[in-house]
Amino acid sequence: MVDNQSARHYIYPTGLPMNRYISLLLYFALFLPAVSSAQSLYDYYLPGKERRNLEKWSFKNGYQVTERWYLAGEGFLRTDLSRLDNSFNGLISTQSVTRTGWSALIGFTDRDRWGLEWGYARSPINSSLIINSQPSFAIRLENEKNGFVFRSRYMILSTSRKERRSGFWLTAGAWLVPNAGNVRNRFTLEGLGYRGFRQAPDTLLLISRTATSREPSGLLELGLEYNVRISGRWDVGVVARRNWGIGNSLATDLTYRVNTHPYQTASLRANGDGMTLGFAVRYTYTARYNIKTKNLYDLQGKLPTKK
């Protein structure tokens, strides 16, 4: 006796008719070769892992990148030269100052031939004031350290056998330096000095005030970079640039008096003239490729055998 409430009923498929199997086999026999030999949207719209495989394959086989957008970081040493118009008979002098800086940039290249990049730089414009007393001492002065960079790049010589992966780039750019008009340093020095065999000493007074400009200033740069592509995503480079200042960013005004003689004045100006030496790292976050293959098996580096 069977309990109707607990009975289970199973329905088993009876199978497809033979003509349907034949139709499916013919469909796959005609469709799959067409997919393997024709270029489809797969070449252009690749998600996740497939896009990474395409980038590795393109890097390996040297196919050209028509458009590249990247993020860049630079670390560098800057050497600044300042100008002093009066030394007060050797009492004061100046010398070059070398300090570190960095920048963060967004960049674009077209066919790995020319490119543009722009961003922010944290790099001071420096000057140095040396007091030649006994003993002497130096005071380093700097502006607010901010700068906005716009730069163009052009490859002048490729050192790679495949599609300009590595080579020398000529760069030219401009900086906008947004000075804040702040007082950066001030001091007053008083002392005694002897001249010849005089018994009575001279009374010396030196007053200094350093401030940044109230107006923006700028820099022009011309440089040479050697860039190496180490993968489909990462580039590294070594850069050397010459800088020319436009307008003064940092100004030091000095006043000097001996005894009751009239005051003498001097000015120390820094506008960013100097040299830059550093390195750059670039990460490509999106790119457009010129894929010449017509066979999807090429994307994996495997060609179908011909019989």
C-alpha atoms as a PDB file:
ATOM      1  CA  MET A   1       0.000   0.000   0.000  1.00  0.00           C
ATOM      2  CA  VAL A   2       1.403   3.377  -1.022  1.00  0.00           C
ATOM      3  CA  ASP A   3       1.031   6.531   1.047  1.00  0.00           C
ATOM      4  CA  ASN A   4      -0.041   9.225  -1.432  1.00  0.00           C
ATOM      5  CA  GLN A   5       1.224  12.032   0.828  1.00  0.00           C
ATOM      6  CA  SER A   6       4.814  10.720   0.918  1.00  0.00           C
ATOM      7  CA  ALA A   7       5.078   9.405  -2.624  1.00  0.00           C
ATOM      8  CA  ARG A   8       7.558  11.150  -4.904  1.00  0.00           C
ATOM      9  CA  HIS A   9       7.147  11.330  -8.633  1.00  0.00           C
ATOM     10  CA  TYR A  10      10.136  11.691 -10.970  1.00  0.00           C
ATOM     11  CA  ILE A  11       9.967  12.708 -14.579  1.00  0.00           C
ATOM     12  CA  TYR A  12      12.868  11.540 -16.761  1.00  0.00           C
ATOM     13  CA  PRO A  13      13.657  13.223 -20.082  1.00  0.00           C
ATOM     14  CA  THR A  14      13.090  11.009 -23.029  1.00  0.00           C
ATOM     15  CA  GLY A  15      15.897  12.700 -25.071  1.00  0.00           C
ATOM     16  CA  LEU A  16      16.004  14.980 -28.074  1.00  0.00           C
ATOM     17  CA  PRO A  17      15.009  13.759 -31.471  1.00  0.00           C
ATOM     18  CA  MET A  18      17.865  12.802 -33.772  1.00  0.00           C
ATOM     19  CA  ASN A  19      17.231  15.692 -36.164  1.00  0.00           C
ATOM     20  CA  ARG A  20      17.801  18.215 -33.330  1.00  0.00           C
ATOM     21  CA  TYR A  21      21.200  16.680 -32.514  1.00  0.00           C
ATOM     22  CA  ILE A  22      22.215  16.940 -36.135  1.00  0.00           C
ATOM     23  CA  SER A  23      21.107  20.592 -36.273  1.00  0.00           C
ATOM     24  CA  LEU A  24      23.139  21.489 -33.171  1.00  0.00           C
ATOM     25  CA  LEU A  25      26.251  19.759 -34.492  1.00  0.00           C
ATOM     26  CA  LEU A  26      25.973  21.611 -37.801  1.00  0.00           C
ATOM     27  CA  TYR A  27      25.490  24.906 -35.962  1.00  0.00           C
ATOM     28  CA  PHE A  28      28.642  24.528 -33.866  1.00  0.00           C
ATOM     29  CA  ALA A  29      30.611  23.210 -36.834  1.00  0.00           C
ATOM     30  CA  LEU A  30      29.815  26.387 -38.794  1.00  0.00           C
ATOM     31  CA  PHE A  31      29.851  28.937 -35.940  1.00  0.00           C
ATOM     32  CA  LEU A  32      33.076  28.131 -34.056  1.00  0.00           C
ATOM     33  CA  PRO A  33      35.492  28.461 -37.019  1.00  0.00           C
ATOM     34  CA  ALA A  34      33.933  31.794 -37.869  1.00  0.00           C
ATOM     35  CA  VAL A  35      34.524  33.043 -34.311  1.00  0.00           C
ATOM     36  CA  SER A  36      38.146  31.866 -34.285  1.00  0.00           C
ATOM     37  CA  SER A  37      39.010  33.510 -37.606  1.00  0.00           C
ATOM     38  CA  ALA A  38      37.031  36.760 -37.448  1.00  0.00           C
ATOM     39  CA  GLN A  39      37.855  39.864 -35.401  1.00  0.00           C
ATOM     40  CA  SER A  40      35.054  40.558 -32.936  1.00  0.00           C
ATOM     41  CA  LEU A  41      34.230  43.057 -30.213  1.00  0.00           C
ATOM     42  CA  TYR A  42      36.335  40.905 -27.885  1.00  0.00           C
ATOM     43  CA  ASP A  43      39.400  42.653 -29.289  1.00  0.00           C
ATOM     44  CA  TYR A  44      38.204  46.020 -28.022  1.00  0.00           C
ATOM     45  CA  TYR A  45      36.115  45.485 -24.894  1.00  0.00           C
ATOM     46  CA  LEU A  46      37.994  43.189 -22.546  1.00  0.00           C
ATOM     47  CA  PRO A  47      37.114  42.778 -18.871  1.00  0.00           C
ATOM     48  CA  GLY A  48      39.584  42.093 -16.089  1.00  0.00           C
ATOM     49  CA  LYS A  49      41.834  39.118 -16.753  1.00  0.00           C
ATOM     50  CA  GLU A  50      41.355  39.173 -20.530  1.00  0.00           C
ATOM     51  CA  ARG A  51      42.532  42.794 -20.760  1.00  0.00           C
ATOM     52  CA  ARG A  52      45.632  42.014 -18.693  1.00  0.00           C
ATOM     53  CA  ASN A  53      46.405  39.079 -20.998  1.00  0.00           C
ATOM     54  CA  LEU A  54      46.047  41.382 -23.998  1.00  0.00           C
ATOM     55  CA  GLU A  55      48.432  43.924 -22.454  1.00  0.00           C
ATOM     56  CA  LYS A  56      51.041  41.233 -21.764  1.00  0.00           C
ATOM     57  CA  TRP A  57      50.672  39.878 -25.275  1.00  0.00           C
ATOM     58  CA  SER A  58      50.955  43.360 -26.810  1.00  0.00           C
ATOM     59  CA  PHE A  59      54.077  44.108 -24.755  1.00  0.00           C
ATOM     60  CA  LYS A  60      55.640  40.781 -25.766  1.00  0.00           C
ATOM     61  CA  ASN A  61      54.886  41.098 -29.473  1.00  0.00           C
ATOM     62  CA  GLY A  62      55.603  44.807 -29.836  1.00  0.00           C
ATOM     63  CA  TYR A  63      52.244  46.005 -31.104  1.00  0.00           C
ATOM     64  CA  GLN A  64      51.810  49.745 -30.920  1.00  0.00           C
ATOM     65  CA  VAL A  65      49.923  51.585 -28.195  1.00  0.00           C
ATOM     66  CA  THR A  66      47.967  54.353 -29.900  1.00  0.00           C
ATOM     67  CA  GLU A  67      46.919  56.145 -26.717  1.00  0.00           C
ATOM     68  CA  ARG A  68      48.121  55.888 -23.128  1.00  0.00           C
ATOM     69  CA  TRP A  69      47.002  57.603 -19.901  1.00  0.00           C
ATOM     70  CA  TYR A  70      49.224  57.276 -16.876  1.00  0.00           C
ATOM     71  CA  LEU A  71      49.990  58.450 -13.342  1.00  0.00           C
ATOM     72  CA  ALA A  72      53.549  59.582 -12.638  1.00  0.00           C
ATOM     73  CA  GLY A  73      55.648  60.328  -9.601  1.00  0.00           C
ATOM     74  CA  GLU A  74      59.021  62.071  -9.577  1.00  0.00           C
ATOM     75  CA  GLY A  75      61.698  62.474  -6.957  1.00  0.00           C
ATOM     76  CA  PHE A  76      64.564  64.847  -7.639  1.00  0.00           C
ATOM     77  CA  LEU A  77      67.356  67.106  -6.429  1.00  0.00           C
ATOM     78  CA  ARG A  78      67.124  70.786  -7.335  1.00  0.00           C
ATOM     79  CA  THR A  79      70.087  73.157  -7.305  1.00  0.00           C
ATOM     80  CA  ASP A  80      69.108  76.856  -7.099  1.00  0.00           C
ATOM     81  CA  LEU A  81      71.286  79.849  -7.873  1.00  0.00           C
ATOM     82  CA  SER A  82      70.551  83.234  -6.291  1.00  0.00           C
ATOM     83  CA  ARG A  83      71.823  86.750  -7.098  1.00  0.00           C
ATOM     84  CA  LEU A  84      73.400  89.215  -4.642  1.00  0.00           C
ATOM     85  CA  ASP A  85      74.015  92.775  -5.837  1.00  0.00           C
ATOM     86  CA  ASN A  86      76.197  94.065  -2.949  1.00  0.00           C
ATOM     87  CA  SER A  87      78.527  92.161  -0.619  1.00  0.00           C
ATOM     88  CA  PHE A  88      79.204  95.054   1.838  1.00  0.00           C
ATOM     89  CA  ASN A  89      82.944  94.737   1.176  1.00  0.00           C
ATOM     90  CA  GLY A  90      82.921  90.960   1.653  1.00  0.00           C
ATOM     91  CA  LEU A  91      80.778  90.878   4.787  1.00  0.00           C
ATOM     92  CA  ILE A  92      78.050  88.812   3.090  1.00  0.00           C
ATOM     93  CA  SER A  93      77.978  86.361   0.164  1.00  0.00           C
ATOM     94  CA  THR A  94      75.798  83.653  -1.354  1.00  0.00           C
ATOM     95  CA  GLN A  95      76.169  80.162  -2.790  1.00  0.00           C
ATOM     96  CA  SER A  96      74.034  77.552  -4.579  1.00  0.00           C
ATOM     97  CA  VAL A  97      71.575  75.460  -2.570  1.00  0.00           C
ATOM     98  CA  THR A  98      70.599  71.831  -3.339  1.00  0.00           C
ATOM     99  CA  ARG A  99      67.413  70.384  -1.881  1.00  0.00           C
ATOM    100  CA  THR A 100      65.049  67.479  -2.584  1.00  0.00           C
ATOM    101  CA  GLY A 101      61.586  67.727  -4.117  1.00  0.00           C
ATOM    102  CA  TRP A 102      58.825  65.571  -5.565  1.00  0.00           C
ATOM    103  CA  SER A 103      55.905  65.843  -7.960  1.00  0.00           C
ATOM    104  CA  ALA A 104      52.703  63.932  -8.778  1.00  0.00           C
ATOM    105  CA  LEU A 105      51.472  64.090 -12.360  1.00  0.00           C
ATOM    106  CA  ILE A 106      48.840  62.863 -14.802  1.00  0.00           C
ATOM    107  CA  GLY A 107      50.078  62.179 -18.324  1.00  0.00           C
ATOM    108  CA  PHE A 108      49.001  61.262 -21.831  1.00  0.00           C
ATOM    109  CA  THR A 109      51.004  59.921 -24.787  1.00  0.00           C
ATOM    110  CA  ASP A 110      50.031  59.491 -28.430  1.00  0.00           C
ATOM    111  CA  ARG A 111      51.563  56.429 -30.145  1.00  0.00           C
ATOM    112  CA  ASP A 112      54.430  56.577 -27.646  1.00  0.00           C
ATOM    113  CA  ARG A 113      55.879  59.405 -29.696  1.00  0.00           C
ATOM    114  CA  TRP A 114      54.788  62.606 -27.950  1.00  0.00           C
ATOM    115  CA  GLY A 115      52.962  63.353 -24.738  1.00  0.00           C
ATOM    116  CA  LEU A 116      51.744  65.870 -22.194  1.00  0.00           C
ATOM    117  CA  GLU A 117      51.737  65.779 -18.405  1.00  0.00           C
ATOM    118  CA  TRP A 118      50.596  68.147 -15.688  1.00  0.00           C
ATOM    119  CA  GLY A 119      50.320  68.120 -11.919  1.00  0.00           C
ATOM    120  CA  TYR A 120      51.593  69.388  -8.580  1.00  0.00           C
ATOM    121  CA  ALA A 121      55.201  69.740  -7.368  1.00  0.00           C
ATOM    122  CA  ARG A 122      56.380  70.091  -3.799  1.00  0.00           C
ATOM    123  CA  SER A 123      59.718  71.755  -4.384  1.00  0.00           C
ATOM    124  CA  PRO A 124      61.166  74.890  -2.741  1.00  0.00           C
ATOM    125  CA  ILE A 125      62.941  77.753  -4.443  1.00  0.00           C
ATOM    126  CA  ASN A 126      66.008  78.399  -2.265  1.00  0.00           C
ATOM    127  CA  SER A 127      68.637  81.007  -1.558  1.00  0.00           C
ATOM    128  CA  SER A 128      71.548  81.125   0.859  1.00  0.00           C
ATOM    129  CA  LEU A 129      72.926  84.104   2.783  1.00  0.00           C
ATOM    130  CA  ILE A 130      76.423  83.714   4.252  1.00  0.00           C
ATOM    131  CA  ILE A 131      77.683  86.082   6.977  1.00  0.00           C
ATOM    132  CA  ASN A 132      81.478  86.155   6.743  1.00  0.00           C
ATOM    133  CA  SER A 133      82.132  86.903  10.385  1.00  0.00           C
ATOM    134  CA  GLN A 134      84.474  85.069  12.772  1.00  0.00           C
ATOM    135  CA  PRO A 135      83.234  82.365  12.714  1.00  0.00           C
ATOM    136  CA  SER A 136      81.078  82.578   9.571  1.00  0.00           C
ATOM    137  CA  PHE A 137      77.596  81.108   9.351  1.00  0.00           C
ATOM    138  CA  ALA A 138      75.002  80.536   6.627  1.00  0.00           C
ATOM    139  CA  ILE A 139      71.226  81.009   6.588  1.00  0.00           C
ATOM    140  CA  ARG A 140      69.149  78.982   4.135  1.00  0.00           C
ATOM    141  CA  LEU A 141      65.976  80.646   2.891  1.00  0.00           C
ATOM    142  CA  GLU A 142      63.071  79.140   0.928  1.00  0.00           C
ATOM    143  CA  ASN A 143      59.616  79.971  -0.417  1.00  0.00           C
ATOM    144  CA  GLU A 144      56.329  78.149   0.286  1.00  0.00           C
ATOM    145  CA  LYS A 145      57.470  75.128  -1.822  1.00  0.00           C
ATOM    146  CA  ASN A 146      54.380  74.901  -4.068  1.00  0.00           C
ATOM    147  CA  GLY A 147      54.347  74.657  -7.848  1.00  0.00           C
ATOM    148  CA  PHE A 148      52.031  73.561 -10.660  1.00  0.00           C
ATOM    149  CA  VAL A 149      53.713  71.884 -13.620  1.00  0.00           C
ATOM    150  CA  PHE A 150      52.769  71.576 -17.292  1.00  0.00           C
ATOM    151  CA  ARG A 151      55.197  69.634 -19.487  1.00  0.00           C
ATOM    152  CA  SER A 152      55.408  68.305 -23.051  1.00  0.00           C
ATOM    153  CA  ARG A 153      57.485  65.272 -24.059  1.00  0.00           C
ATOM    154  CA  TYR A 154      58.769  64.052 -27.421  1.00  0.00           C
ATOM    155  CA  MET A 155      60.755  60.898 -28.135  1.00  0.00           C
ATOM    156  CA  ILE A 156      63.867  61.774 -30.122  1.00  0.00           C
ATOM    157  CA  LEU A 157      65.614  58.373 -30.110  1.00  0.00           C
ATOM    158  CA  SER A 158      64.310  54.855 -29.514  1.00  0.00           C
ATOM    159  CA  THR A 159      66.709  52.304 -28.024  1.00  0.00           C
ATOM    160  CA  SER A 160      64.279  49.389 -28.234  1.00  0.00           C
ATOM    161  CA  ARG A 161      63.864  46.984 -31.130  1.00  0.00           C
ATOM    162  CA  LYS A 162      60.108  46.820 -30.719  1.00  0.00           C
ATOM    163  CA  GLU A 163      57.805  49.805 -31.019  1.00  0.00           C
ATOM    164  CA  ARG A 164      59.597  52.503 -28.994  1.00  0.00           C
ATOM    165  CA  ARG A 165      59.430  50.797 -25.604  1.00  0.00           C
ATOM    166  CA  SER A 166      62.565  52.589 -24.359  1.00  0.00           C
ATOM    167  CA  GLY A 167      64.401  55.671 -25.474  1.00  0.00           C
ATOM    168  CA  PHE A 168      65.390  59.294 -25.010  1.00  0.00           C
ATOM    169  CA  TRP A 169      62.707  61.958 -24.610  1.00  0.00           C
ATOM    170  CA  LEU A 170      63.138  65.695 -24.991  1.00  0.00           C
ATOM    171  CA  THR A 171      60.986  67.606 -22.490  1.00  0.00           C
ATOM    172  CA  ALA A 172      59.945  71.230 -22.222  1.00  0.00           C
ATOM    173  CA  GLY A 173      57.662  72.738 -19.641  1.00  0.00           C
ATOM    174  CA  ALA A 174      56.541  75.604 -17.472  1.00  0.00           C
ATOM    175  CA  TRP A 175      55.809  76.021 -13.764  1.00  0.00           C
ATOM    176  CA  LEU A 176      53.379  78.323 -12.049  1.00  0.00           C
ATOM    177  CA  VAL A 177      54.642  79.266  -8.570  1.00  0.00           C
ATOM    178  CA  PRO A 178      51.795  80.735  -6.438  1.00  0.00           C
ATOM    179  CA  ASN A 179      53.729  82.878  -3.965  1.00  0.00           C
ATOM    180  CA  ALA A 180      51.879  83.906  -0.805  1.00  0.00           C
ATOM    181  CA  GLY A 181      53.723  87.108   0.140  1.00  0.00           C
ATOM    182  CA  ASN A 182      54.758  85.709   3.537  1.00  0.00           C
ATOM    183  CA  VAL A 183      57.719  86.871   5.632  1.00  0.00           C
ATOM    184  CA  ARG A 184      60.050  83.870   5.749  1.00  0.00           C
ATOM    185  CA  ASN A 185      62.915  85.255   7.870  1.00  0.00           C
ATOM    186  CA  ARG A 186      64.122  88.403   9.587  1.00  0.00           C
ATOM    187  CA  PHE A 187      67.057  89.168  11.859  1.00  0.00           C
ATOM    188  CA  THR A 188      69.278  91.979  13.196  1.00  0.00           C
ATOM    189  CA  LEU A 189      72.995  91.576  13.904  1.00  0.00           C
ATOM    190  CA  GLU A 190      75.109  93.985  15.940  1.00  0.00           C
ATOM    191  CA  GLY A 191      78.828  93.702  16.497  1.00  0.00           C
ATOM    192  CA  LEU A 192      82.201  95.340  16.829  1.00  0.00           C
ATOM    193  CA  GLY A 193      84.905  95.494  14.215  1.00  0.00           C
ATOM    194  CA  TYR A 194      88.495  96.769  14.089  1.00  0.00           C
ATOM    195  CA  ARG A 195      90.214  98.345  11.137  1.00  0.00           C
ATOM    196  CA  GLY A 196      93.999  98.672  11.067  1.00  0.00           C
ATOM    197  CA  PHE A 197      95.624  99.812  14.282  1.00  0.00           C
ATOM    198  CA  ARG A 198      92.683 101.806  15.573  1.00  0.00           C
ATOM    199  CA  GLN A 199      92.011 101.269  19.245  1.00  0.00           C
ATOM    200  CA  ALA A 200      88.357 102.239  19.129  1.00  0.00           C
ATOM    201  CA  PRO A 201      86.195  99.542  17.477  1.00  0.00           C
ATOM    202  CA  ASP A 202      83.597 100.235  14.818  1.00  0.00           C
ATOM    203  CA  THR A 203      79.965  99.516  15.611  1.00  0.00           C
ATOM    204  CA  LEU A 204      78.371  97.336  12.931  1.00  0.00           C
ATOM    205  CA  LEU A 205      74.652  96.883  12.293  1.00  0.00           C
ATOM    206  CA  LEU A 206      73.116  94.445   9.772  1.00  0.00           C
ATOM    207  CA  ILE A 207      69.342  94.140   9.273  1.00  0.00           C
ATOM    208  CA  SER A 208      67.761  91.473   7.041  1.00  0.00           C
ATOM    209  CA  ARG A 209      64.204  90.708   5.967  1.00  0.00           C
ATOM    210  CA  THR A 210      63.169  87.864   3.622  1.00  0.00           C
ATOM    211  CA  ALA A 211      59.699  87.502   2.095  1.00  0.00           C
ATOM    212  CA  THR A 212      58.089  85.794  -0.862  1.00  0.00           C
ATOM    213  CA  SER A 213      56.569  87.814  -3.676  1.00  0.00           C
ATOM    214  CA  ARG A 214      52.968  88.977  -3.522  1.00  0.00           C
ATOM    215  CA  GLU A 215      52.589  88.003  -7.196  1.00  0.00           C
ATOM    216  CA  PRO A 216      52.883  84.565  -8.824  1.00  0.00           C
ATOM    217  CA  SER A 217      56.163  83.746 -10.517  1.00  0.00           C
ATOM    218  CA  GLY A 218      57.169  80.987 -12.885  1.00  0.00           C
ATOM    219  CA  LEU A 219      59.798  78.683 -14.271  1.00  0.00           C
ATOM    220  CA  LEU A 220      60.694  77.468 -17.737  1.00  0.00           C
ATOM    221  CA  GLU A 221      62.448  74.137 -18.110  1.00  0.00           C
ATOM    222  CA  LEU A 222      64.190  72.133 -20.821  1.00  0.00           C
ATOM    223  CA  GLY A 223      65.260  68.588 -20.150  1.00  0.00           C
ATOM    224  CA  LEU A 224      66.357  65.182 -21.358  1.00  0.00           C
ATOM    225  CA  GLU A 225      64.938  61.916 -20.043  1.00  0.00           C
ATOM    226  CA  TYR A 226      65.853  58.283 -20.632  1.00  0.00           C
ATOM    227  CA  ASN A 227      62.757  56.146 -20.157  1.00  0.00           C
ATOM    228  CA  VAL A 228      62.573  52.330 -19.918  1.00  0.00           C
ATOM    229  CA  ARG A 229      59.358  50.308 -20.097  1.00  0.00           C
ATOM    230  CA  ILE A 230      59.694  47.375 -17.719  1.00  0.00           C
ATOM    231  CA  SER A 231      56.190  45.937 -18.295  1.00  0.00           C
ATOM    232  CA  GLY A 232      52.939  46.718 -20.027  1.00  0.00           C
ATOM    233  CA  ARG A 233      52.006  48.983 -17.111  1.00  0.00           C
ATOM    234  CA  TRP A 234      55.213  50.367 -15.581  1.00  0.00           C
ATOM    235  CA  ASP A 235      57.876  52.766 -16.896  1.00  0.00           C
ATOM    236  CA  VAL A 236      60.914  54.169 -15.101  1.00  0.00           C
ATOM    237  CA  GLY A 237      63.158  57.013 -16.204  1.00  0.00           C
ATOM    238  CA  VAL A 238      66.103  59.227 -15.299  1.00  0.00           C
ATOM    239  CA  VAL A 239      65.696  62.967 -15.917  1.00  0.00           C
ATOM    240  CA  ALA A 240      67.976  66.002 -16.116  1.00  0.00           C
ATOM    241  CA  ARG A 241      66.575  69.516 -16.611  1.00  0.00           C
ATOM    242  CA  ARG A 242      67.746  73.111 -16.818  1.00  0.00           C
ATOM    243  CA  ASN A 243      65.481  75.696 -15.153  1.00  0.00           C
ATOM    244  CA  TRP A 244      65.081  79.425 -15.792  1.00  0.00           C
ATOM    245  CA  GLY A 245      63.115  81.634 -13.424  1.00  0.00           C
ATOM    246  CA  ILE A 246      60.477  84.141 -14.545  1.00  0.00           C
ATOM    247  CA  GLY A 247      60.071  86.811 -11.879  1.00  0.00           C
ATOM    248  CA  ASN A 248      61.443  86.609  -8.346  1.00  0.00           C
ATOM    249  CA  SER A 249      59.843  84.225  -5.911  1.00  0.00           C
ATOM    250  CA  LEU A 250      62.053  84.960  -2.878  1.00  0.00           C
ATOM    251  CA  ALA A 251      63.616  88.316  -1.975  1.00  0.00           C
ATOM    252  CA  THR A 252      65.953  89.257   0.866  1.00  0.00           C
ATOM    253  CA  ASP A 253      66.509  92.965   1.555  1.00  0.00           C
ATOM    254  CA  LEU A 254      69.534  93.913   3.676  1.00  0.00           C
ATOM    255  CA  THR A 255      70.649  97.137   5.345  1.00  0.00           C
ATOM    256  CA  TYR A 256      74.175  97.709   6.672  1.00  0.00           C
ATOM    257  CA  ARG A 257      75.731 100.587   8.652  1.00  0.00           C
ATOM    258  CA  VAL A 258      79.137 101.245  10.206  1.00  0.00           C
ATOM    259  CA  ASN A 259      79.110 103.714  13.126  1.00  0.00           C
ATOM    260  CA  THR A 260      77.131 106.739  12.043  1.00  0.00           C
ATOM    261  CA  HIS A 261      77.882 106.462   8.326  1.00  0.00           C
ATOM    262  CA  PRO A 262      74.924 106.340   5.923  1.00  0.00           C
ATOM    263  CA  TYR A 263      73.152 103.033   5.457  1.00  0.00           C
ATOM    264  CA  GLN A 264      74.108 100.731   2.581  1.00  0.00           C
ATOM    265  CA  THR A 265      71.562  98.382   1.028  1.00  0.00           C
ATOM    266  CA  ALA A 266      71.752  95.053  -0.761  1.00  0.00           C
ATOM    267  CA  SER A 267      69.256  92.602  -2.251  1.00  0.00           C
ATOM    268  CA  LEU A 268      69.400  88.830  -2.608  1.00  0.00           C
ATOM    269  CA  ARG A 269      66.978  87.406  -5.203  1.00  0.00           C
ATOM    270  CA  ALA A 270      65.992  83.801  -5.978  1.00  0.00           C
ATOM    271  CA  ASN A 271      63.772  82.906  -8.946  1.00  0.00           C
ATOM    272  CA  GLY A 272      64.473  79.201  -9.465  1.00  0.00           C
ATOM    273  CA  ASP A 273      67.417  79.339 -11.876  1.00  0.00           C
ATOM    274  CA  GLY A 274      69.373  76.109 -11.665  1.00  0.00           C
ATOM    275  CA  MET A 275      69.407  72.388 -12.454  1.00  0.00           C
ATOM    276  CA  THR A 276      67.252  69.367 -11.649  1.00  0.00           C
ATOM    277  CA  LEU A 277      68.341  65.722 -11.543  1.00  0.00           C
ATOM    278  CA  GLY A 278      66.016  62.903 -10.571  1.00  0.00           C
ATOM    279  CA  PHE A 279      63.993  59.818 -11.492  1.00  0.00           C
ATOM    280  CA  ALA A 280      60.414  59.194 -12.617  1.00  0.00           C
ATOM    281  CA  VAL A 281      58.008  56.257 -12.250  1.00  0.00           C
ATOM    282  CA  ARG A 282      54.906  55.993 -14.462  1.00  0.00           C
ATOM    283  CA  TYR A 283      51.925  53.654 -14.161  1.00  0.00           C
ATOM    284  CA  THR A 284      49.617  53.227 -17.164  1.00  0.00           C
ATOM    285  CA  TYR A 285      46.013  52.915 -15.996  1.00  0.00           C
ATOM    286  CA  THR A 286      44.369  52.824 -19.403  1.00  0.00           C
ATOM    287  CA  ALA A 287      45.573  52.347 -22.968  1.00  0.00           C
ATOM    288  CA  ARG A 288      44.268  51.837 -26.484  1.00  0.00           C
ATOM    289  CA  TYR A 289      46.072  49.314 -28.654  1.00  0.00           C
ATOM    290  CA  ASN A 290      46.538  48.959 -32.389  1.00  0.00           C
ATOM    291  CA  ILE A 291      45.832  45.236 -32.736  1.00  0.00           C
ATOM    292  CA  LYS A 292      46.824  43.949 -36.171  1.00  0.00           C
ATOM    293  CA  THR A 293      46.008  40.293 -35.665  1.00  0.00           C
ATOM    294  CA  LYS A 294      42.866  38.708 -37.085  1.00  0.00           C
ATOM    295  CA  ASN A 295      43.052  35.542 -35.045  1.00  0.00           C
ATOM    296  CA  LEU A 296      41.972  35.391 -31.407  1.00  0.00           C
ATOM    297  CA  TYR A 297      44.473  32.593 -30.736  1.00  0.00           C
ATOM    298  CA  ASP A 298      47.233  35.195 -31.247  1.00  0.00           C
ATOM    299  CA  LEU A 299      46.131  36.954 -28.050  1.00  0.00           C
ATOM    300  CA  GLN A 300      47.393  33.964 -26.073  1.00  0.00           C
ATOM    301  CA  GLY A 301      50.549  33.634 -28.122  1.00  0.00           C
ATOM    302  CA  LYS A 302      49.322  30.400 -29.767  1.00  0.00           C
ATOM    303  CA  LEU A 303      48.617  29.926 -33.417  1.00  0.00           C
ATOM    304  CA  PRO A 304      46.317  27.146 -34.640  1.00  0.00           C
ATOM    305  CA  THR A 305      48.223  24.498 -36.541  1.00  0.00           C
ATOM    306  CA  LYS A 306      47.548  24.195 -40.215  1.00  0.00           C
ATOM    307  CA  LYS A 307      47.064  20.762 -41.671  1.00  0.00           C
END
